[in-house]
PDB file of N, CA and C in Angstrom:
ATOM      1  N   MET A   1      19.047  38.018 -31.757  1.00  0.00           N
ATOM      2  CA  MET A   1      18.902  37.833 -30.328  1.00  0.00           C
ATOM      3  C   MET A   1      19.866  36.746 -29.881  1.00  0.00           C
ATOM      4  N   ASN A   2      20.678  37.048 -28.896  1.00  0.00           N
ATOM      5  CA  ASN A   2      21.632  36.095 -28.367  1.00  0.00           C
ATOM      6  C   ASN A   2      21.015  35.356 -27.197  1.00  0.00           C
ATOM      7  N   LEU A   3      21.179  34.044 -27.172  1.00  0.00           N
ATOM      8  CA  LEU A   3      20.550  33.221 -26.150  1.00  0.00           C
ATOM      9  C   LEU A   3      21.140  33.462 -24.764  1.00  0.00           C
ATOM     10  N   GLN A   4      22.391  33.915 -24.698  1.00  0.00           N
ATOM     11  CA  GLN A   4      23.010  34.181 -23.404  1.00  0.00           C
ATOM     12  C   GLN A   4      22.372  35.390 -22.711  1.00  0.00           C
ATOM     13  N   ALA A   5      21.723  36.251 -23.461  1.00  0.00           N
ATOM     14  CA  ALA A   5      21.102  37.433 -22.880  1.00  0.00           C
ATOM     15  C   ALA A   5      19.743  37.131 -22.255  1.00  0.00           C
ATOM     16  N   VAL A   6      19.190  35.960 -22.519  1.00  0.00           N
ATOM     17  CA  VAL A   6      17.874  35.596 -22.010  1.00  0.00           C
ATOM     18  C   VAL A   6      18.011  35.041 -20.601  1.00  0.00           C
ATOM     19  N   ASN A   7      17.051  35.351 -19.765  1.00  0.00           N
ATOM     20  CA  ASN A   7      17.023  34.872 -18.388  1.00  0.00           C
ATOM     21  C   ASN A   7      17.074  33.337 -18.383  1.00  0.00           C
ATOM     22  N   PRO A   8      17.945  32.732 -17.560  1.00  0.00           N
ATOM     23  CA  PRO A   8      18.046  31.275 -17.524  1.00  0.00           C
ATOM     24  C   PRO A   8      16.735  30.579 -17.153  1.00  0.00           C
ATOM     25  N   VAL A   9      15.942  31.200 -16.306  1.00  0.00           N
ATOM     26  CA  VAL A   9      14.655  30.612 -15.935  1.00  0.00           C
ATOM     27  C   VAL A   9      13.731  30.561 -17.152  1.00  0.00           C
ATOM     28  N   ALA A  10      13.760  31.580 -17.963  1.00  0.00           N
ATOM     29  CA  ALA A  10      12.939  31.603 -19.176  1.00  0.00           C
ATOM     30  C   ALA A  10      13.388  30.510 -20.142  1.00  0.00           C
ATOM     31  N   ARG A  11      14.691  30.248 -20.207  1.00  0.00           N
ATOM     32  CA  ARG A  11      15.180  29.171 -21.073  1.00  0.00           C
ATOM     33  C   ARG A  11      14.700  27.811 -20.588  1.00  0.00           C
ATOM     34  N   VAL A  12      14.708  27.594 -19.275  1.00  0.00           N
ATOM     35  CA  VAL A  12      14.241  26.315 -18.735  1.00  0.00           C
ATOM     36  C   VAL A  12      12.747  26.148 -18.976  1.00  0.00           C
ATOM     37  N   ILE A  13      11.979  27.212 -18.792  1.00  0.00           N
ATOM     38  CA  ILE A  13      10.533  27.140 -19.033  1.00  0.00           C
ATOM     39  C   ILE A  13      10.256  26.864 -20.514  1.00  0.00           C
ATOM     40  N   ALA A  14      10.982  27.516 -21.399  1.00  0.00           N
ATOM     41  CA  ALA A  14      10.810  27.255 -22.830  1.00  0.00           C
ATOM     42  C   ALA A  14      11.165  25.816 -23.164  1.00  0.00           C
ATOM     43  N   LEU A  15      12.200  25.291 -22.540  1.00  0.00           N
ATOM     44  CA  LEU A  15      12.583  23.901 -22.749  1.00  0.00           C
ATOM     45  C   LEU A  15      11.471  22.960 -22.299  1.00  0.00           C
ATOM     46  N   LEU A  16      10.875  23.224 -21.142  1.00  0.00           N
ATOM     47  CA  LEU A  16       9.783  22.379 -20.646  1.00  0.00           C
ATOM     48  C   LEU A  16       8.559  22.454 -21.551  1.00  0.00           C
ATOM     49  N   VAL A  17       8.241  23.657 -22.010  1.00  0.00           N
ATOM     50  CA  VAL A  17       7.079  23.819 -22.897  1.00  0.00           C
ATOM     51  C   VAL A  17       7.300  23.084 -24.217  1.00  0.00           C
ATOM     52  N   PHE A  18       8.524  23.084 -24.703  1.00  0.00           N
ATOM     53  CA  PHE A  18       8.818  22.458 -25.988  1.00  0.00           C
ATOM     54  C   PHE A  18       8.947  20.940 -25.889  1.00  0.00           C
ATOM     55  N   THR A  19       9.542  20.428 -24.800  1.00  0.00           N
ATOM     56  CA  THR A  19       9.824  18.994 -24.733  1.00  0.00           C
ATOM     57  C   THR A  19       8.730  18.161 -24.078  1.00  0.00           C
ATOM     58  N   THR A  20       7.910  18.728 -23.220  1.00  0.00           N
ATOM     59  CA  THR A  20       6.870  17.945 -22.553  1.00  0.00           C
ATOM     60  C   THR A  20       5.882  17.318 -23.544  1.00  0.00           C
ATOM     61  N   PRO A  21       5.382  18.042 -24.536  1.00  0.00           N
ATOM     62  CA  PRO A  21       4.502  17.378 -25.510  1.00  0.00           C
ATOM     63  C   PRO A  21       5.197  16.254 -26.283  1.00  0.00           C
ATOM     64  N   LEU A  22       6.506  16.373 -26.493  1.00  0.00           N
ATOM     65  CA  LEU A  22       7.227  15.310 -27.194  1.00  0.00           C
ATOM     66  C   LEU A  22       7.296  14.044 -26.356  1.00  0.00           C
ATOM     67  N   LEU A  23       7.394  14.204 -25.049  1.00  0.00           N
ATOM     68  CA  LEU A  23       7.433  13.029 -24.181  1.00  0.00           C
ATOM     69  C   LEU A  23       6.077  12.351 -24.101  1.00  0.00           C
ATOM     70  N   VAL A  24       5.008  13.119 -24.205  1.00  0.00           N
ATOM     71  CA  VAL A  24       3.663  12.557 -24.121  1.00  0.00           C
ATOM     72  C   VAL A  24       3.289  11.835 -25.409  1.00  0.00           C
ATOM     73  N   SER A  25       3.652  12.400 -26.544  1.00  0.00           N
ATOM     74  CA  SER A  25       3.293  11.789 -27.834  1.00  0.00           C
ATOM     75  C   SER A  25       4.564  11.434 -28.597  1.00  0.00           C
ATOM     76  N   ILE A  26       5.069  10.258 -28.344  1.00  0.00           N
ATOM     77  CA  ILE A  26       6.311   9.829 -28.996  1.00  0.00           C
ATOM     78  C   ILE A  26       5.959   9.167 -30.325  1.00  0.00           C
ATOM     79  N   ASP A  27       6.217   9.865 -31.410  1.00  0.00           N
ATOM     80  CA  ASP A  27       6.016   9.308 -32.740  1.00  0.00           C
ATOM     81  C   ASP A  27       6.987   9.973 -33.706  1.00  0.00           C
ATOM     82  N   LEU A  28       7.044   9.459 -34.919  1.00  0.00           N
ATOM     83  CA  LEU A  28       8.008   9.937 -35.907  1.00  0.00           C
ATOM     84  C   LEU A  28       7.735  11.377 -36.339  1.00  0.00           C
ATOM     85  N   VAL A  29       6.471  11.733 -36.519  1.00  0.00           N
ATOM     86  CA  VAL A  29       6.130  13.082 -36.986  1.00  0.00           C
ATOM     87  C   VAL A  29       6.536  14.126 -35.949  1.00  0.00           C
ATOM     88  N   SER A  30       6.248  13.874 -34.676  1.00  0.00           N
ATOM     89  CA  SER A  30       6.630  14.820 -33.621  1.00  0.00           C
ATOM     90  C   SER A  30       8.136  15.002 -33.565  1.00  0.00           C
ATOM     91  N   ALA A  31       8.872  13.903 -33.697  1.00  0.00           N
ATOM     92  CA  ALA A  31      10.331  13.993 -33.660  1.00  0.00           C
ATOM     93  C   ALA A  31      10.875  14.785 -34.840  1.00  0.00           C
ATOM     94  N   LEU A  32      10.324  14.559 -36.032  1.00  0.00           N
ATOM     95  CA  LEU A  32      10.801  15.284 -37.208  1.00  0.00           C
ATOM     96  C   LEU A  32      10.450  16.771 -37.151  1.00  0.00           C
ATOM     97  N   VAL A  33       9.260  17.095 -36.651  1.00  0.00           N
ATOM     98  CA  VAL A  33       8.878  18.501 -36.500  1.00  0.00           C
ATOM     99  C   VAL A  33       9.791  19.178 -35.486  1.00  0.00           C
ATOM    100  N   SER A  34      10.072  18.496 -34.394  1.00  0.00           N
ATOM    101  CA  SER A  34      10.973  19.038 -33.377  1.00  0.00           C
ATOM    102  C   SER A  34      12.366  19.272 -33.942  1.00  0.00           C
ATOM    103  N   LEU A  35      12.872  18.320 -34.691  1.00  0.00           N
ATOM    104  CA  LEU A  35      14.195  18.454 -35.292  1.00  0.00           C
ATOM    105  C   LEU A  35      14.236  19.605 -36.294  1.00  0.00           C
ATOM    106  N   ALA A  36      13.206  19.720 -37.114  1.00  0.00           N
ATOM    107  CA  ALA A  36      13.148  20.809 -38.090  1.00  0.00           C
ATOM    108  C   ALA A  36      13.087  22.169 -37.395  1.00  0.00           C
ATOM    109  N   CYS A  37      12.267  22.283 -36.360  1.00  0.00           N
ATOM    110  CA  CYS A  37      12.174  23.554 -35.617  1.00  0.00           C
ATOM    111  C   CYS A  37      13.495  23.910 -34.958  1.00  0.00           C
ATOM    112  N   THR A  38      14.193  22.914 -34.443  1.00  0.00           N
ATOM    113  CA  THR A  38      15.491  23.160 -33.817  1.00  0.00           C
ATOM    114  C   THR A  38      16.510  23.644 -34.845  1.00  0.00           C
ATOM    115  N   ILE A  39      16.549  22.997 -35.986  1.00  0.00           N
ATOM    116  CA  ILE A  39      17.519  23.385 -37.018  1.00  0.00           C
ATOM    117  C   ILE A  39      17.207  24.766 -37.582  1.00  0.00           C
ATOM    118  N   ILE A  40      15.930  25.068 -37.745  1.00  0.00           N
ATOM    119  CA  ILE A  40      15.545  26.376 -38.284  1.00  0.00           C
ATOM    120  C   ILE A  40      15.783  27.487 -37.269  1.00  0.00           C
ATOM    121  N   SER A  41      15.481  27.227 -35.996  1.00  0.00           N
ATOM    122  CA  SER A  41      15.569  28.298 -34.996  1.00  0.00           C
ATOM    123  C   SER A  41      16.966  28.492 -34.427  1.00  0.00           C
ATOM    124  N   ALA A  42      17.874  27.581 -34.629  1.00  0.00           N
ATOM    125  CA  ALA A  42      19.221  27.712 -34.049  1.00  0.00           C
ATOM    126  C   ALA A  42      19.929  28.994 -34.482  1.00  0.00           C
ATOM    127  N   PRO A  43      20.024  29.303 -35.787  1.00  0.00           N
ATOM    128  CA  PRO A  43      20.707  30.552 -36.151  1.00  0.00           C
ATOM    129  C   PRO A  43      19.961  31.808 -35.684  1.00  0.00           C
ATOM    130  N   ILE A  44      18.647  31.710 -35.617  1.00  0.00           N
ATOM    131  CA  ILE A  44      17.859  32.859 -35.151  1.00  0.00           C
ATOM    132  C   ILE A  44      18.181  33.178 -33.697  1.00  0.00           C
ATOM    133  N   LEU A  45      18.438  32.120 -32.895  1.00  0.00           N
ATOM    134  CA  LEU A  45      18.735  32.301 -31.480  1.00  0.00           C
ATOM    135  C   LEU A  45      20.224  32.474 -31.191  1.00  0.00           C
ATOM    136  N   GLY A  46      21.034  32.551 -32.239  1.00  0.00           N
ATOM    137  CA  GLY A  46      22.455  32.820 -32.054  1.00  0.00           C
ATOM    138  C   GLY A  46      23.305  31.588 -31.808  1.00  0.00           C
ATOM    139  N   VAL A  47      22.796  30.400 -32.133  1.00  0.00           N
ATOM    140  CA  VAL A  47      23.558  29.162 -31.970  1.00  0.00           C
ATOM    141  C   VAL A  47      23.996  28.706 -33.365  1.00  0.00           C
ATOM    142  N   SER A  48      25.294  28.553 -33.550  1.00  0.00           N
ATOM    143  CA  SER A  48      25.779  28.128 -34.862  1.00  0.00           C
ATOM    144  C   SER A  48      25.486  26.646 -35.070  1.00  0.00           C
ATOM    145  N   TYR A  49      25.467  26.240 -36.331  1.00  0.00           N
ATOM    146  CA  TYR A  49      25.230  24.825 -36.637  1.00  0.00           C
ATOM    147  C   TYR A  49      26.358  23.950 -36.090  1.00  0.00           C
ATOM    148  N   ARG A  50      27.556  24.483 -36.035  1.00  0.00           N
ATOM    149  CA  ARG A  50      28.685  23.732 -35.485  1.00  0.00           C
ATOM    150  C   ARG A  50      28.471  23.434 -34.000  1.00  0.00           C
ATOM    151  N   VAL A  51      28.045  24.433 -33.246  1.00  0.00           N
ATOM    152  CA  VAL A  51      27.774  24.243 -31.817  1.00  0.00           C
ATOM    153  C   VAL A  51      26.584  23.302 -31.628  1.00  0.00           C
ATOM    154  N   LEU A  52      25.554  23.463 -32.443  1.00  0.00           N
ATOM    155  CA  LEU A  52      24.378  22.597 -32.363  1.00  0.00           C
ATOM    156  C   LEU A  52      24.767  21.140 -32.631  1.00  0.00           C
ATOM    157  N   PHE A  53      25.605  20.909 -33.629  1.00  0.00           N
ATOM    158  CA  PHE A  53      26.062  19.557 -33.938  1.00  0.00           C
ATOM    159  C   PHE A  53      26.901  18.984 -32.807  1.00  0.00           C
ATOM    160  N   ARG A  54      27.815  19.805 -32.281  1.00  0.00           N
ATOM    161  CA  ARG A  54      28.696  19.333 -31.206  1.00  0.00           C
ATOM    162  C   ARG A  54      27.903  18.978 -29.950  1.00  0.00           C
ATOM    163  N   ARG A  55      26.885  19.763 -29.626  1.00  0.00           N
ATOM    164  CA  ARG A  55      26.068  19.480 -28.435  1.00  0.00           C
ATOM    165  C   ARG A  55      25.091  18.333 -28.661  1.00  0.00           C
ATOM    166  N   GLY A  56      24.691  18.101 -29.894  1.00  0.00           N
ATOM    167  CA  GLY A  56      23.749  17.029 -30.185  1.00  0.00           C
ATOM    168  C   GLY A  56      24.395  15.698 -30.503  1.00  0.00           C
ATOM    169  N   LEU A  57      25.705  15.694 -30.723  1.00  0.00           N
ATOM    170  CA  LEU A  57      26.410  14.474 -31.091  1.00  0.00           C
ATOM    171  C   LEU A  57      26.265  13.351 -30.063  1.00  0.00           C
ATOM    172  N   PRO A  58      26.359  13.599 -28.761  1.00  0.00           N
ATOM    173  CA  PRO A  58      26.170  12.500 -27.802  1.00  0.00           C
ATOM    174  C   PRO A  58      24.801  11.832 -27.926  1.00  0.00           C
ATOM    175  N   ILE A  59      23.770  12.612 -28.182  1.00  0.00           N
ATOM    176  CA  ILE A  59      22.433  12.039 -28.328  1.00  0.00           C
ATOM    177  C   ILE A  59      22.365  11.181 -29.586  1.00  0.00           C
ATOM    178  N   VAL A  60      22.954  11.665 -30.667  1.00  0.00           N
ATOM    179  CA  VAL A  60      22.946  10.911 -31.924  1.00  0.00           C
ATOM    180  C   VAL A  60      23.713   9.600 -31.769  1.00  0.00           C
ATOM    181  N   LEU A  61      24.778   9.592 -30.985  1.00  0.00           N
ATOM    182  CA  LEU A  61      25.565   8.384 -30.795  1.00  0.00           C
ATOM    183  C   LEU A  61      24.889   7.385 -29.861  1.00  0.00           C
ATOM    184  N   ILE A  62      24.149   7.858 -28.865  1.00  0.00           N
ATOM    185  CA  ILE A  62      23.536   6.978 -27.872  1.00  0.00           C
ATOM    186  C   ILE A  62      22.148   6.499 -28.296  1.00  0.00           C
ATOM    187  N   ALA A  63      21.452   7.219 -29.141  1.00  0.00           N
ATOM    188  CA  ALA A  63      20.082   6.851 -29.536  1.00  0.00           C
ATOM    189  C   ALA A  63      19.990   5.442 -30.137  1.00  0.00           C
ATOM    190  N   PRO A  64      20.908   5.016 -30.996  1.00  0.00           N
ATOM    191  CA  PRO A  64      20.798   3.645 -31.517  1.00  0.00           C
ATOM    192  C   PRO A  64      20.894   2.571 -30.432  1.00  0.00           C
ATOM    193  N   VAL A  65      21.666   2.820 -29.384  1.00  0.00           N
ATOM    194  CA  VAL A  65      21.753   1.863 -28.276  1.00  0.00           C
ATOM    195  C   VAL A  65      20.385   1.708 -27.614  1.00  0.00           C
ATOM    196  N   SER A  66      19.695   2.810 -27.439  1.00  0.00           N
ATOM    197  CA  SER A  66      18.347   2.770 -26.876  1.00  0.00           C
ATOM    198  C   SER A  66      17.397   2.012 -27.795  1.00  0.00           C
ATOM    199  N   GLY A  67      17.488   2.256 -29.081  1.00  0.00           N
ATOM    200  CA  GLY A  67      16.630   1.556 -30.033  1.00  0.00           C
ATOM    201  C   GLY A  67      16.891   0.057 -30.066  1.00  0.00           C
ATOM    202  N   ILE A  68      18.162  -0.329 -29.969  1.00  0.00           N
ATOM    203  CA  ILE A  68      18.500  -1.755 -29.969  1.00  0.00           C
ATOM    204  C   ILE A  68      17.951  -2.435 -28.719  1.00  0.00           C
ATOM    205  N   SER A  69      18.086  -1.779 -27.566  1.00  0.00           N
ATOM    206  CA  SER A  69      17.565  -2.393 -26.336  1.00  0.00           C
ATOM    207  C   SER A  69      16.045  -2.516 -26.384  1.00  0.00           C
ATOM    208  N   MET A  70      15.363  -1.549 -26.976  1.00  0.00           N
ATOM    209  CA  MET A  70      13.906  -1.654 -27.113  1.00  0.00           C
ATOM    210  C   MET A  70      13.529  -2.778 -28.073  1.00  0.00           C
ATOM    211  N   ALA A  71      14.285  -2.932 -29.146  1.00  0.00           N
ATOM    212  CA  ALA A  71      13.999  -3.999 -30.103  1.00  0.00           C
ATOM    213  C   ALA A  71      14.221  -5.376 -29.480  1.00  0.00           C
ATOM    214  N   LEU A  72      15.230  -5.489 -28.623  1.00  0.00           N
ATOM    215  CA  LEU A  72      15.531  -6.781 -28.017  1.00  0.00           C
ATOM    216  C   LEU A  72      14.625  -7.120 -26.831  1.00  0.00           C
ATOM    217  N   TYR A  73      14.320  -6.130 -26.003  1.00  0.00           N
ATOM    218  CA  TYR A  73      13.629  -6.404 -24.745  1.00  0.00           C
ATOM    219  C   TYR A  73      12.223  -5.827 -24.655  1.00  0.00           C
ATOM    220  N   GLY A  74      11.799  -5.057 -25.639  1.00  0.00           N
ATOM    221  CA  GLY A  74      10.465  -4.452 -25.596  1.00  0.00           C
ATOM    222  C   GLY A  74       9.369  -5.476 -25.847  1.00  0.00           C
ATOM    223  N   ARG A  75       8.203  -5.226 -25.299  1.00  0.00           N
ATOM    224  CA  ARG A  75       7.065  -6.117 -25.507  1.00  0.00           C
ATOM    225  C   ARG A  75       6.368  -5.752 -26.808  1.00  0.00           C
ATOM    226  N   PRO A  76       6.077  -6.717 -27.663  1.00  0.00           N
ATOM    227  CA  PRO A  76       5.486  -6.422 -28.971  1.00  0.00           C
ATOM    228  C   PRO A  76       4.109  -5.785 -28.880  1.00  0.00           C
ATOM    229  N   GLU A  77       3.342  -6.113 -27.848  1.00  0.00           N
ATOM    230  CA  GLU A  77       1.994  -5.544 -27.763  1.00  0.00           C
ATOM    231  C   GLU A  77       1.995  -4.092 -27.313  1.00  0.00           C
ATOM    232  N   GLY A  78       3.099  -3.608 -26.762  1.00  0.00           N
ATOM    233  CA  GLY A  78       3.245  -2.195 -26.415  1.00  0.00           C
ATOM    234  C   GLY A  78       2.229  -1.689 -25.412  1.00  0.00           C
ATOM    235  N   GLY A  79       2.287  -2.128 -24.188  1.00  0.00           N
ATOM    236  CA  GLY A  79       1.351  -1.690 -23.155  1.00  0.00           C
ATOM    237  C   GLY A  79       1.625  -0.273 -22.687  1.00  0.00           C
ATOM    238  N   ASN A  80       0.670   0.317 -22.020  1.00  0.00           N
ATOM    239  CA  ASN A  80       0.817   1.670 -21.479  1.00  0.00           C
ATOM    240  C   ASN A  80       1.411   1.606 -20.085  1.00  0.00           C
ATOM    241  N   ILE A  81       2.305   2.525 -19.806  1.00  0.00           N
ATOM    242  CA  ILE A  81       2.868   2.622 -18.466  1.00  0.00           C
ATOM    243  C   ILE A  81       1.873   3.303 -17.541  1.00  0.00           C
ATOM    244  N   SER A  82       1.246   4.335 -18.032  1.00  0.00           N
ATOM    245  CA  SER A  82       0.230   5.040 -17.248  1.00  0.00           C
ATOM    246  C   SER A  82      -0.879   5.496 -18.185  1.00  0.00           C
ATOM    247  N   ARG A  83      -2.011   5.770 -17.619  1.00  0.00           N
ATOM    248  CA  ARG A  83      -3.146   6.226 -18.417  1.00  0.00           C
ATOM    249  C   ARG A  83      -3.584   7.605 -17.944  1.00  0.00           C
ATOM    250  N   LEU A  84      -3.926   8.437 -18.907  1.00  0.00           N
ATOM    251  CA  LEU A  84      -4.457   9.753 -18.590  1.00  0.00           C
ATOM    252  C   LEU A  84      -5.945   9.611 -18.280  1.00  0.00           C
ATOM    253  N   PRO A  85      -6.479  10.461 -17.413  1.00  0.00           N
ATOM    254  CA  PRO A  85      -7.901  10.358 -17.101  1.00  0.00           C
ATOM    255  C   PRO A  85      -8.760  10.657 -18.332  1.00  0.00           C
ATOM    256  N   SER A  86      -9.818   9.917 -18.457  1.00  0.00           N
ATOM    257  CA  SER A  86     -10.729  10.077 -19.589  1.00  0.00           C
ATOM    258  C   SER A  86     -11.839  11.057 -19.223  1.00  0.00           C
ATOM    259  N   HIS A  87     -12.200  11.917 -20.167  1.00  0.00           N
ATOM    260  CA  HIS A  87     -13.254  12.905 -19.924  1.00  0.00           C
ATOM    261  C   HIS A  87     -14.505  12.524 -20.696  1.00  0.00           C
ATOM    262  N   THR A  88     -15.024  11.348 -20.440  1.00  0.00           N
ATOM    263  CA  THR A  88     -16.235  10.915 -21.154  1.00  0.00           C
ATOM    264  C   THR A  88     -17.428  10.971 -20.251  1.00  0.00           C
TER     265      THR A  88
END
């Protein structure tokens, strides 16, 4: 299946379904599962590893800058920005 043949709206919806849980639960396991699923599904969806690497390279280069700024300016106690409603 070639990804160019899929409706662009369906691609955006799939992107939202896949990335929204990652934004809600930011941890190492979620990131590694996401990375593994991306690497495994790329050839199935018609994206070569070369194209995947070329498109992901900017993120790989910029991510350490984000980590350094969090290490320097982040609060050690790690407060919540927002809270989800509790169903108790």
